[in-house]
Full PDB file with SEQRES, HELIX, SHEET, SSBOND, CRYST1, ORIGX, SCALE, CONECT and MASTER records, all heavy atoms in Angstrom:
SEQRES   1 A   39  THR ALA ARG ASP PHE LEU MET LYS ILE CYS ASN GLU LEU          
SEQRES   2 A   39  GLY VAL ARG ALA ILE SER CYS GLY TYR ASN TYR ARG PHE          
SEQRES   3 A   39  GLY LYS GLY ALA LEU GLY ASN THR ASP LEU LEU ARG GLU          
HELIX    1 AA1 ALA A    2  LEU A   13  1                                  12    
HELIX    2 AA2 LYS A   28  ALA A   30  5                                   3    
HELIX    3 AA3 THR A   34  ARG A   38  1                                   5    
CRYST1    1.000    1.000    1.000  90.00  90.00  90.00 P 1           1          
ORIGX1      1.000000  0.000000  0.000000        0.00000                         
ORIGX2      0.000000  1.000000  0.000000        0.00000                         
ORIGX3      0.000000  0.000000  1.000000        0.00000                         
SCALE1      1.000000  0.000000  0.000000        0.00000                         
SCALE2      0.000000  1.000000  0.000000        0.00000                         
SCALE3      0.000000  0.000000  1.000000        0.00000                         
ATOM      1  N   THR A   1      -1.471   0.699  10.765  1.00  0.00           N  
ATOM      2  CA  THR A   1      -0.850  -0.626  10.743  1.00  0.00           C  
ATOM      3  C   THR A   1      -1.380  -1.385   9.532  1.00  0.00           C  
ATOM      4  O   THR A   1      -2.417  -1.031   8.953  1.00  0.00           O  
ATOM      5  CB  THR A   1      -1.197  -1.428  12.012  1.00  0.00           C  
ATOM      6  OG1 THR A   1      -2.604  -1.704  12.018  1.00  0.00           O  
ATOM      7  CG2 THR A   1      -0.795  -0.663  13.266  1.00  0.00           C  
ATOM      8  N   ALA A   2      -0.672  -2.421   9.136  1.00  0.00           N  
ATOM      9  CA  ALA A   2      -1.084  -3.204   7.980  1.00  0.00           C  
ATOM     10  C   ALA A   2      -2.502  -3.747   8.166  1.00  0.00           C  
ATOM     11  O   ALA A   2      -3.329  -3.707   7.244  1.00  0.00           O  
ATOM     12  CB  ALA A   2      -0.095  -4.346   7.748  1.00  0.00           C  
ATOM     13  N   ARG A   3      -2.787  -4.246   9.349  1.00  0.00           N  
ATOM     14  CA  ARG A   3      -4.117  -4.822   9.610  1.00  0.00           C  
ATOM     15  C   ARG A   3      -5.200  -3.749   9.566  1.00  0.00           C  
ATOM     16  O   ARG A   3      -6.290  -3.962   9.019  1.00  0.00           O  
ATOM     17  CB  ARG A   3      -4.121  -5.533  10.961  1.00  0.00           C  
ATOM     18  CG  ARG A   3      -3.333  -6.832  10.975  1.00  0.00           C  
ATOM     19  CD  ARG A   3      -3.419  -7.540  12.326  1.00  0.00           C  
ATOM     20  NE  ARG A   3      -2.760  -8.837  12.288  1.00  0.00           N  
ATOM     21  CZ  ARG A   3      -1.456  -9.017  12.473  1.00  0.00           C  
ATOM     22  NH1 ARG A   3      -0.669  -7.956  12.731  1.00  0.00           N  
ATOM     23  NH2 ARG A   3      -0.927 -10.234  12.426  1.00  0.00           N  
ATOM     24  N   ASP A   4      -4.921  -2.586  10.148  1.00  0.00           N  
ATOM     25  CA  ASP A   4      -5.915  -1.502  10.131  1.00  0.00           C  
ATOM     26  C   ASP A   4      -6.173  -1.026   8.704  1.00  0.00           C  
ATOM     27  O   ASP A   4      -7.307  -0.710   8.333  1.00  0.00           O  
ATOM     28  CB  ASP A   4      -5.442  -0.333  10.993  1.00  0.00           C  
ATOM     29  CG  ASP A   4      -5.568  -0.631  12.488  1.00  0.00           C  
ATOM     30  OD1 ASP A   4      -6.254  -1.620  12.839  1.00  0.00           O  
ATOM     31  OD2 ASP A   4      -4.970   0.118  13.291  1.00  0.00           O  
ATOM     32  N   PHE A   5      -5.111  -0.960   7.910  1.00  0.00           N  
ATOM     33  CA  PHE A   5      -5.257  -0.542   6.509  1.00  0.00           C  
ATOM     34  C   PHE A   5      -6.169  -1.507   5.766  1.00  0.00           C  
ATOM     35  O   PHE A   5      -7.084  -1.100   5.045  1.00  0.00           O  
ATOM     36  CB  PHE A   5      -3.883  -0.479   5.842  1.00  0.00           C  
ATOM     37  CG  PHE A   5      -3.942  -0.340   4.343  1.00  0.00           C  
ATOM     38  CD1 PHE A   5      -4.250   0.878   3.745  1.00  0.00           C  
ATOM     39  CD2 PHE A   5      -3.691  -1.434   3.520  1.00  0.00           C  
ATOM     40  CE1 PHE A   5      -4.311   1.004   2.364  1.00  0.00           C  
ATOM     41  CE2 PHE A   5      -3.746  -1.322   2.140  1.00  0.00           C  
ATOM     42  CZ  PHE A   5      -4.055  -0.092   1.560  1.00  0.00           C  
ATOM     43  N   LEU A   6      -5.935  -2.783   5.954  1.00  0.00           N  
ATOM     44  CA  LEU A   6      -6.733  -3.791   5.270  1.00  0.00           C  
ATOM     45  C   LEU A   6      -8.195  -3.723   5.712  1.00  0.00           C  
ATOM     46  O   LEU A   6      -9.114  -3.785   4.883  1.00  0.00           O  
ATOM     47  CB  LEU A   6      -6.158  -5.182   5.539  1.00  0.00           C  
ATOM     48  CG  LEU A   6      -6.846  -6.344   4.809  1.00  0.00           C  
ATOM     49  CD1 LEU A   6      -6.765  -6.151   3.304  1.00  0.00           C  
ATOM     50  CD2 LEU A   6      -6.215  -7.671   5.216  1.00  0.00           C  
ATOM     51  N   MET A   7      -8.434  -3.598   7.012  1.00  0.00           N  
ATOM     52  CA  MET A   7      -9.795  -3.501   7.520  1.00  0.00           C  
ATOM     53  C   MET A   7     -10.489  -2.254   6.958  1.00  0.00           C  
ATOM     54  O   MET A   7     -11.677  -2.294   6.605  1.00  0.00           O  
ATOM     55  CB  MET A   7      -9.792  -3.447   9.051  1.00  0.00           C  
ATOM     56  CG  MET A   7      -9.387  -4.750   9.721  1.00  0.00           C  
ATOM     57  SD  MET A   7     -10.598  -6.062   9.450  1.00  0.00           S  
ATOM     58  CE  MET A   7     -11.992  -5.415  10.363  1.00  0.00           C  
ATOM     59  N   LYS A   8      -9.740  -1.185   6.859  1.00  0.00           N  
ATOM     60  CA  LYS A   8     -10.296   0.084   6.362  1.00  0.00           C  
ATOM     61  C   LYS A   8     -10.803  -0.067   4.937  1.00  0.00           C  
ATOM     62  O   LYS A   8     -11.941   0.301   4.629  1.00  0.00           O  
ATOM     63  CB  LYS A   8      -9.213   1.164   6.426  1.00  0.00           C  
ATOM     64  CG  LYS A   8      -9.672   2.548   6.001  1.00  0.00           C  
ATOM     65  CD  LYS A   8     -10.435   3.233   7.099  1.00  0.00           C  
ATOM     66  CE  LYS A   8     -10.745   4.674   6.763  1.00  0.00           C  
ATOM     67  NZ  LYS A   8     -11.594   5.322   7.777  1.00  0.00           N  
ATOM     68  N   ILE A   9      -9.969  -0.605   4.051  1.00  0.00           N  
ATOM     69  CA  ILE A   9     -10.395  -0.690   2.646  1.00  0.00           C  
ATOM     70  C   ILE A   9     -11.493  -1.736   2.470  1.00  0.00           C  
ATOM     71  O   ILE A   9     -12.405  -1.542   1.651  1.00  0.00           O  
ATOM     72  CB  ILE A   9      -9.198  -0.962   1.704  1.00  0.00           C  
ATOM     73  CG1 ILE A   9      -8.566  -2.328   1.966  1.00  0.00           C  
ATOM     74  CG2 ILE A   9      -8.174   0.148   1.796  1.00  0.00           C  
ATOM     75  CD1 ILE A   9      -7.551  -2.728   0.904  1.00  0.00           C  
ATOM     76  N   CYS A  10     -11.421  -2.820   3.218  1.00  0.00           N  
ATOM     77  CA  CYS A  10     -12.438  -3.868   3.077  1.00  0.00           C  
ATOM     78  C   CYS A  10     -13.807  -3.366   3.527  1.00  0.00           C  
ATOM     79  O   CYS A  10     -14.822  -3.608   2.858  1.00  0.00           O  
ATOM     80  CB  CYS A  10     -12.044  -5.111   3.863  1.00  0.00           C  
ATOM     81  SG  CYS A  10     -10.701  -6.048   3.110  1.00  0.00           S  
ATOM     82  N   ASN A  11     -13.838  -2.672   4.656  1.00  0.00           N  
ATOM     83  CA  ASN A  11     -15.109  -2.196   5.204  1.00  0.00           C  
ATOM     84  C   ASN A  11     -15.702  -1.049   4.394  1.00  0.00           C  
ATOM     85  O   ASN A  11     -16.906  -1.002   4.139  1.00  0.00           O  
ATOM     86  CB  ASN A  11     -14.933  -1.767   6.664  1.00  0.00           C  
ATOM     87  CG  ASN A  11     -14.672  -2.937   7.590  1.00  0.00           C  
ATOM     88  OD1 ASN A  11     -15.025  -4.077   7.287  1.00  0.00           O  
ATOM     89  ND2 ASN A  11     -14.033  -2.676   8.720  1.00  0.00           N  
ATOM     90  N   GLU A  12     -14.858  -0.103   3.983  1.00  0.00           N  
ATOM     91  CA  GLU A  12     -15.384   1.090   3.323  1.00  0.00           C  
ATOM     92  C   GLU A  12     -15.639   0.894   1.837  1.00  0.00           C  
ATOM     93  O   GLU A  12     -16.483   1.589   1.255  1.00  0.00           O  
ATOM     94  CB  GLU A  12     -14.436   2.272   3.552  1.00  0.00           C  
ATOM     95  CG  GLU A  12     -14.362   2.713   5.001  1.00  0.00           C  
ATOM     96  CD  GLU A  12     -13.819   4.110   5.173  1.00  0.00           C  
ATOM     97  OE1 GLU A  12     -13.781   4.872   4.178  1.00  0.00           O  
ATOM     98  OE2 GLU A  12     -13.436   4.438   6.311  1.00  0.00           O  
ATOM     99  N   LEU A  13     -14.917  -0.024   1.214  1.00  0.00           N  
ATOM    100  CA  LEU A  13     -15.077  -0.213  -0.227  1.00  0.00           C  
ATOM    101  C   LEU A  13     -15.844  -1.478  -0.590  1.00  0.00           C  
ATOM    102  O   LEU A  13     -16.134  -1.710  -1.755  1.00  0.00           O  
ATOM    103  CB  LEU A  13     -13.697  -0.239  -0.908  1.00  0.00           C  
ATOM    104  CG  LEU A  13     -12.811   1.001  -0.712  1.00  0.00           C  
ATOM    105  CD1 LEU A  13     -11.472   0.808  -1.419  1.00  0.00           C  
ATOM    106  CD2 LEU A  13     -13.519   2.245  -1.220  1.00  0.00           C  
ATOM    107  N   GLY A  14     -16.156  -2.290   0.390  1.00  0.00           N  
ATOM    108  CA  GLY A  14     -16.875  -3.530   0.102  1.00  0.00           C  
ATOM    109  C   GLY A  14     -16.010  -4.517  -0.678  1.00  0.00           C  
ATOM    110  O   GLY A  14     -16.467  -5.159  -1.629  1.00  0.00           O  
ATOM    111  N   VAL A  15     -14.757  -4.662  -0.249  1.00  0.00           N  
ATOM    112  CA  VAL A  15     -13.801  -5.528  -0.952  1.00  0.00           C  
ATOM    113  C   VAL A  15     -14.126  -7.002  -0.692  1.00  0.00           C  
ATOM    114  O   VAL A  15     -14.251  -7.432   0.456  1.00  0.00           O  
ATOM    115  CB  VAL A  15     -12.357  -5.218  -0.500  1.00  0.00           C  
ATOM    116  CG1 VAL A  15     -11.377  -6.216  -1.118  1.00  0.00           C  
ATOM    117  CG2 VAL A  15     -11.978  -3.794  -0.893  1.00  0.00           C  
ATOM    118  N   ARG A  16     -14.245  -7.761  -1.765  1.00  0.00           N  
ATOM    119  CA  ARG A  16     -14.479  -9.203  -1.670  1.00  0.00           C  
ATOM    120  C   ARG A  16     -13.268 -10.007  -2.150  1.00  0.00           C  
ATOM    121  O   ARG A  16     -13.142 -11.193  -1.856  1.00  0.00           O  
ATOM    122  CB  ARG A  16     -15.698  -9.587  -2.515  1.00  0.00           C  
ATOM    123  CG  ARG A  16     -16.983  -8.898  -2.096  1.00  0.00           C  
ATOM    124  CD  ARG A  16     -17.485  -9.425  -0.767  1.00  0.00           C  
ATOM    125  NE  ARG A  16     -18.716  -8.749  -0.352  1.00  0.00           N  
ATOM    126  CZ  ARG A  16     -18.751  -7.688   0.453  1.00  0.00           C  
ATOM    127  NH1 ARG A  16     -17.622  -7.197   0.957  1.00  0.00           N  
ATOM    128  NH2 ARG A  16     -19.895  -7.117   0.773  1.00  0.00           N  
ATOM    129  N   ALA A  17     -12.395  -9.339  -2.878  1.00  0.00           N  
ATOM    130  CA  ALA A  17     -11.185 -10.003  -3.375  1.00  0.00           C  
ATOM    131  C   ALA A  17     -10.107  -8.947  -3.599  1.00  0.00           C  
ATOM    132  O   ALA A  17     -10.413  -7.764  -3.815  1.00  0.00           O  
ATOM    133  CB  ALA A  17     -11.470 -10.770  -4.672  1.00  0.00           C  
ATOM    134  N   ILE A  18      -8.843  -9.391  -3.544  1.00  0.00           N  
ATOM    135  CA  ILE A  18      -7.700  -8.496  -3.696  1.00  0.00           C  
ATOM    136  C   ILE A  18      -6.712  -9.097  -4.693  1.00  0.00           C  
ATOM    137  O   ILE A  18      -6.477 -10.303  -4.702  1.00  0.00           O  
ATOM    138  CB  ILE A  18      -6.991  -8.268  -2.336  1.00  0.00           C  
ATOM    139  CG1 ILE A  18      -7.890  -7.461  -1.393  1.00  0.00           C  
ATOM    140  CG2 ILE A  18      -5.640  -7.575  -2.520  1.00  0.00           C  
ATOM    141  CD1 ILE A  18      -7.335  -7.340   0.022  1.00  0.00           C  
ATOM    142  N   SER A  19      -6.144  -8.242  -5.523  1.00  0.00           N  
ATOM    143  CA  SER A  19      -5.058  -8.635  -6.422  1.00  0.00           C  
ATOM    144  C   SER A  19      -3.858  -7.745  -6.119  1.00  0.00           C  
ATOM    145  O   SER A  19      -3.992  -6.525  -5.976  1.00  0.00           O  
ATOM    146  CB  SER A  19      -5.487  -8.452  -7.883  1.00  0.00           C  
ATOM    147  OG  SER A  19      -4.420  -8.745  -8.763  1.00  0.00           O  
ATOM    148  N   CYS A  20      -2.687  -8.368  -5.980  1.00  0.00           N  
ATOM    149  CA  CYS A  20      -1.472  -7.593  -5.698  1.00  0.00           C  
ATOM    150  C   CYS A  20      -0.270  -8.309  -6.292  1.00  0.00           C  
ATOM    151  O   CYS A  20      -0.376  -9.436  -6.786  1.00  0.00           O  
ATOM    152  CB  CYS A  20      -1.283  -7.376  -4.194  1.00  0.00           C  
ATOM    153  SG  CYS A  20      -0.865  -8.879  -3.282  1.00  0.00           S  
ATOM    154  N   GLY A  21       0.879  -7.670  -6.237  1.00  0.00           N  
ATOM    155  CA  GLY A  21       2.106  -8.266  -6.750  1.00  0.00           C  
ATOM    156  C   GLY A  21       2.809  -9.096  -5.692  1.00  0.00           C  
ATOM    157  O   GLY A  21       2.534  -8.973  -4.485  1.00  0.00           O  
ATOM    158  N   TYR A  22       3.751  -9.916  -6.144  1.00  0.00           N  
ATOM    159  CA  TYR A  22       4.477 -10.828  -5.250  1.00  0.00           C  
ATOM    160  C   TYR A  22       5.252 -10.081  -4.165  1.00  0.00           C  
ATOM    161  O   TYR A  22       5.501 -10.605  -3.071  1.00  0.00           O  
ATOM    162  CB  TYR A  22       5.445 -11.692  -6.067  1.00  0.00           C  
ATOM    163  CG  TYR A  22       6.642 -10.921  -6.589  1.00  0.00           C  
ATOM    164  CD1 TYR A  22       7.870 -10.983  -5.946  1.00  0.00           C  
ATOM    165  CD2 TYR A  22       6.521 -10.095  -7.705  1.00  0.00           C  
ATOM    166  CE1 TYR A  22       8.954 -10.247  -6.403  1.00  0.00           C  
ATOM    167  CE2 TYR A  22       7.597  -9.367  -8.172  1.00  0.00           C  
ATOM    168  CZ  TYR A  22       8.811  -9.437  -7.523  1.00  0.00           C  
ATOM    169  OH  TYR A  22       9.878  -8.704  -7.975  1.00  0.00           O  
ATOM    170  N   ASN A  23       5.654  -8.841  -4.441  1.00  0.00           N  
ATOM    171  CA  ASN A  23       6.478  -8.078  -3.499  1.00  0.00           C  
ATOM    172  C   ASN A  23       5.705  -6.915  -2.873  1.00  0.00           C  
ATOM    173  O   ASN A  23       6.312  -5.943  -2.409  1.00  0.00           O  
ATOM    174  CB  ASN A  23       7.737  -7.564  -4.188  1.00  0.00           C  
ATOM    175  CG  ASN A  23       7.413  -6.658  -5.381  1.00  0.00           C  
ATOM    176  OD1 ASN A  23       6.255  -6.596  -5.825  1.00  0.00           O  
ATOM    177  ND2 ASN A  23       8.412  -5.982  -5.905  1.00  0.00           N  
ATOM    178  N   TYR A  24       4.409  -7.002  -2.848  1.00  0.00           N  
ATOM    179  CA  TYR A  24       3.583  -5.918  -2.316  1.00  0.00           C  
ATOM    180  C   TYR A  24       3.840  -5.717  -0.819  1.00  0.00           C  
ATOM    181  O   TYR A  24       3.882  -6.677  -0.049  1.00  0.00           O  
ATOM    182  CB  TYR A  24       2.104  -6.223  -2.547  1.00  0.00           C  
ATOM    183  CG  TYR A  24       1.173  -5.161  -2.011  1.00  0.00           C  
ATOM    184  CD1 TYR A  24       1.193  -3.866  -2.528  1.00  0.00           C  
ATOM    185  CD2 TYR A  24       0.282  -5.452  -0.978  1.00  0.00           C  
ATOM    186  CE1 TYR A  24       0.348  -2.891  -2.038  1.00  0.00           C  
ATOM    187  CE2 TYR A  24      -0.576  -4.475  -0.487  1.00  0.00           C  
ATOM    188  CZ  TYR A  24      -0.529  -3.200  -1.014  1.00  0.00           C  
ATOM    189  OH  TYR A  24      -1.364  -2.236  -0.528  1.00  0.00           O  
ATOM    190  N   ARG A  25       4.034  -4.466  -0.432  1.00  0.00           N  
ATOM    191  CA  ARG A  25       4.219  -4.103   0.975  1.00  0.00           C  
ATOM    192  C   ARG A  25       3.196  -3.030   1.326  1.00  0.00           C  
ATOM    193  O   ARG A  25       2.858  -2.178   0.497  1.00  0.00           O  
ATOM    194  CB  ARG A  25       5.627  -3.533   1.221  1.00  0.00           C  
ATOM    195  CG  ARG A  25       6.780  -4.369   0.693  1.00  0.00           C  
ATOM    196  CD  ARG A  25       7.018  -5.633   1.469  1.00  0.00           C  
ATOM    197  NE  ARG A  25       7.330  -5.395   2.873  1.00  0.00           N  
ATOM    198  CZ  ARG A  25       7.883  -6.309   3.673  1.00  0.00           C  
ATOM    199  NH1 ARG A  25       8.169  -7.531   3.202  1.00  0.00           N  
ATOM    200  NH2 ARG A  25       8.135  -6.052   4.922  1.00  0.00           N  
ATOM    201  N   PHE A  26       2.728  -3.041   2.567  1.00  0.00           N  
ATOM    202  CA  PHE A  26       1.704  -2.076   2.949  1.00  0.00           C  
ATOM    203  C   PHE A  26       1.733  -1.861   4.452  1.00  0.00           C  
ATOM    204  O   PHE A  26       2.356  -2.619   5.210  1.00  0.00           O  
ATOM    205  CB  PHE A  26       0.318  -2.559   2.498  1.00  0.00           C  
ATOM    206  CG  PHE A  26      -0.157  -3.816   3.172  1.00  0.00           C  
ATOM    207  CD1 PHE A  26      -1.152  -3.774   4.132  1.00  0.00           C  
ATOM    208  CD2 PHE A  26       0.391  -5.060   2.841  1.00  0.00           C  
ATOM    209  CE1 PHE A  26      -1.600  -4.936   4.754  1.00  0.00           C  
ATOM    210  CE2 PHE A  26      -0.060  -6.233   3.455  1.00  0.00           C  
ATOM    211  CZ  PHE A  26      -1.059  -6.164   4.413  1.00  0.00           C  
ATOM    212  N   GLY A  27       1.045  -0.804   4.875  1.00  0.00           N  
ATOM    213  CA  GLY A  27       0.960  -0.478   6.295  1.00  0.00           C  
ATOM    214  C   GLY A  27       2.151   0.338   6.777  1.00  0.00           C  
ATOM    215  O   GLY A  27       3.131   0.544   6.061  1.00  0.00           O  
ATOM    216  N   LYS A  28       2.072   0.811   7.993  1.00  0.00           N  
ATOM    217  CA  LYS A  28       3.118   1.640   8.582  1.00  0.00           C  
ATOM    218  C   LYS A  28       4.466   0.936   8.529  1.00  0.00           C  
ATOM    219  O   LYS A  28       4.597  -0.220   8.913  1.00  0.00           O  
ATOM    220  CB  LYS A  28       2.760   1.973  10.030  1.00  0.00           C  
ATOM    221  CG  LYS A  28       3.732   2.937  10.698  1.00  0.00           C  
ATOM    222  CD  LYS A  28       3.268   3.314  12.093  1.00  0.00           C  
ATOM    223  CE  LYS A  28       4.235   4.313  12.723  1.00  0.00           C  
ATOM    224  NZ  LYS A  28       3.792   4.710  14.088  1.00  0.00           N  
ATOM    225  N   GLY A  29       5.464   1.667   8.026  1.00  0.00           N  
ATOM    226  CA  GLY A  29       6.799   1.101   7.903  1.00  0.00           C  
ATOM    227  C   GLY A  29       6.901   0.001   6.870  1.00  0.00           C  
ATOM    228  O   GLY A  29       7.888  -0.718   6.826  1.00  0.00           O  
ATOM    229  N   ALA A  30       5.854  -0.136   6.022  1.00  0.00           N  
ATOM    230  CA  ALA A  30       5.816  -1.198   4.996  1.00  0.00           C  
ATOM    231  C   ALA A  30       6.047  -2.573   5.625  1.00  0.00           C  
ATOM    232  O   ALA A  30       6.714  -3.434   5.055  1.00  0.00           O  
ATOM    233  CB  ALA A  30       6.852  -0.918   3.902  1.00  0.00           C  
ATOM    234  N   LEU A  31       5.489  -2.770   6.823  1.00  0.00           N  
ATOM    235  CA  LEU A  31       5.697  -4.029   7.544  1.00  0.00           C  
ATOM    236  C   LEU A  31       4.791  -5.149   7.034  1.00  0.00           C  
ATOM    237  O   LEU A  31       5.059  -6.325   7.288  1.00  0.00           O  
ATOM    238  CB  LEU A  31       5.459  -3.808   9.040  1.00  0.00           C  
ATOM    239  CG  LEU A  31       6.456  -2.866   9.740  1.00  0.00           C  
ATOM    240  CD1 LEU A  31       6.081  -2.686  11.203  1.00  0.00           C  
ATOM    241  CD2 LEU A  31       7.885  -3.395   9.620  1.00  0.00           C  
ATOM    242  N   GLY A  32       3.715  -4.793   6.345  1.00  0.00           N  
ATOM    243  CA  GLY A  32       2.825  -5.812   5.809  1.00  0.00           C  
ATOM    244  C   GLY A  32       3.354  -6.379   4.508  1.00  0.00           C  
ATOM    245  O   GLY A  32       3.849  -5.650   3.663  1.00  0.00           O  
ATOM    246  N   ASN A  33       3.279  -7.699   4.343  1.00  0.00           N  
ATOM    247  CA  ASN A  33       3.693  -8.343   3.093  1.00  0.00           C  
ATOM    248  C   ASN A  33       2.602  -9.307   2.640  1.00  0.00           C  
ATOM    249  O   ASN A  33       1.527  -9.376   3.240  1.00  0.00           O  
ATOM    250  CB  ASN A  33       5.038  -9.052   3.271  1.00  0.00           C  
ATOM    251  CG  ASN A  33       5.000 -10.086   4.396  1.00  0.00           C  
ATOM    252  OD1 ASN A  33       3.931 -10.536   4.813  1.00  0.00           O  
ATOM    253  ND2 ASN A  33       6.161 -10.460   4.887  1.00  0.00           N  
ATOM    254  N   THR A  34       2.870 -10.063   1.596  1.00  0.00           N  
ATOM    255  CA  THR A  34       1.828 -10.946   1.065  1.00  0.00           C  
ATOM    256  C   THR A  34       1.484 -12.078   2.037  1.00  0.00           C  
ATOM    257  O   THR A  34       0.356 -12.567   2.025  1.00  0.00           O  
ATOM    258  CB  THR A  34       2.256 -11.532  -0.291  1.00  0.00           C  
ATOM    259  OG1 THR A  34       3.542 -12.150  -0.162  1.00  0.00           O  
ATOM    260  CG2 THR A  34       2.318 -10.449  -1.359  1.00  0.00           C  
ATOM    261  N   ASP A  35       2.428 -12.498   2.865  1.00  0.00           N  
ATOM    262  CA  ASP A  35       2.125 -13.542   3.857  1.00  0.00           C  
ATOM    263  C   ASP A  35       1.096 -13.035   4.866  1.00  0.00           C  
ATOM    264  O   ASP A  35       0.117 -13.729   5.184  1.00  0.00           O  
ATOM    265  CB  ASP A  35       3.397 -13.978   4.582  1.00  0.00           C  
ATOM    266  CG  ASP A  35       4.345 -14.763   3.685  1.00  0.00           C  
ATOM    267  OD1 ASP A  35       3.851 -15.381   2.716  1.00  0.00           O  
ATOM    268  OD2 ASP A  35       5.558 -14.750   3.946  1.00  0.00           O  
ATOM    269  N   LEU A  36       1.329 -11.835   5.382  1.00  0.00           N  
ATOM    270  CA  LEU A  36       0.379 -11.240   6.322  1.00  0.00           C  
ATOM    271  C   LEU A  36      -0.955 -10.973   5.624  1.00  0.00           C  
ATOM    272  O   LEU A  36      -2.025 -11.215   6.203  1.00  0.00           O  
ATOM    273  CB  LEU A  36       0.948  -9.941   6.892  1.00  0.00           C  
ATOM    274  CG  LEU A  36       0.008  -9.157   7.824  1.00  0.00           C  
ATOM    275  CD1 LEU A  36      -0.358  -9.978   9.050  1.00  0.00           C  
ATOM    276  CD2 LEU A  36       0.629  -7.828   8.235  1.00  0.00           C  
ATOM    277  N   LEU A  37      -0.881 -10.503   4.396  1.00  0.00           N  
ATOM    278  CA  LEU A  37      -2.102 -10.214   3.646  1.00  0.00           C  
ATOM    279  C   LEU A  37      -2.937 -11.482   3.458  1.00  0.00           C  
ATOM    280  O   LEU A  37      -4.159 -11.475   3.648  1.00  0.00           O  
ATOM    281  CB  LEU A  37      -1.738  -9.613   2.286  1.00  0.00           C  
ATOM    282  CG  LEU A  37      -2.896  -9.120   1.413  1.00  0.00           C  
ATOM    283  CD1 LEU A  37      -3.739  -8.087   2.142  1.00  0.00           C  
ATOM    284  CD2 LEU A  37      -2.358  -8.547   0.104  1.00  0.00           C  
ATOM    285  N   ARG A  38      -2.282 -12.582   3.137  1.00  0.00           N  
ATOM    286  CA  ARG A  38      -2.993 -13.846   2.947  1.00  0.00           C  
ATOM    287  C   ARG A  38      -3.655 -14.298   4.269  1.00  0.00           C  
ATOM    288  O   ARG A  38      -4.806 -14.756   4.289  1.00  0.00           O  
ATOM    289  CB  ARG A  38      -2.023 -14.915   2.445  1.00  0.00           C  
ATOM    290  CG  ARG A  38      -2.679 -16.263   2.159  1.00  0.00           C  
ATOM    291  CD  ARG A  38      -1.728 -17.218   1.491  1.00  0.00           C  
ATOM    292  NE  ARG A  38      -1.476 -16.851   0.090  1.00  0.00           N  
ATOM    293  CZ  ARG A  38      -0.363 -16.280  -0.353  1.00  0.00           C  
ATOM    294  NH1 ARG A  38       0.618 -16.010   0.491  1.00  0.00           N  
ATOM    295  NH2 ARG A  38      -0.233 -15.979  -1.621  1.00  0.00           N  
ATOM    296  N   GLU A  39      -2.914 -14.152   5.358  1.00  0.00           N  
ATOM    297  CA  GLU A  39      -3.429 -14.550   6.673  1.00  0.00           C  
ATOM    298  C   GLU A  39      -4.664 -13.740   7.058  1.00  0.00           C  
ATOM    299  O   GLU A  39      -5.673 -14.291   7.518  1.00  0.00           O  
ATOM    300  CB  GLU A  39      -2.317 -14.340   7.713  1.00  0.00           C  
ATOM    301  CG  GLU A  39      -2.698 -14.662   9.133  1.00  0.00           C  
ATOM    302  CD  GLU A  39      -1.556 -14.333  10.103  1.00  0.00           C  
ATOM    303  OE1 GLU A  39      -0.379 -14.572   9.747  1.00  0.00           O  
ATOM    304  OE2 GLU A  39      -1.865 -13.826  11.200  1.00  0.00           O  
TER     305      GLU A  39                                                      
MASTER        0    0    0    3    0    0    0    6  304    1    0    3          
END                                                                             
């Protein structure tokens, strides 16, 4: 899921900040977007 993907990279890579494009999609079925990412 989009949330699990984000948690995975943040925890394993030590992510403190993210840069992406305006139309970035992520997670199963590409259901994650920049609004969800910001939240």
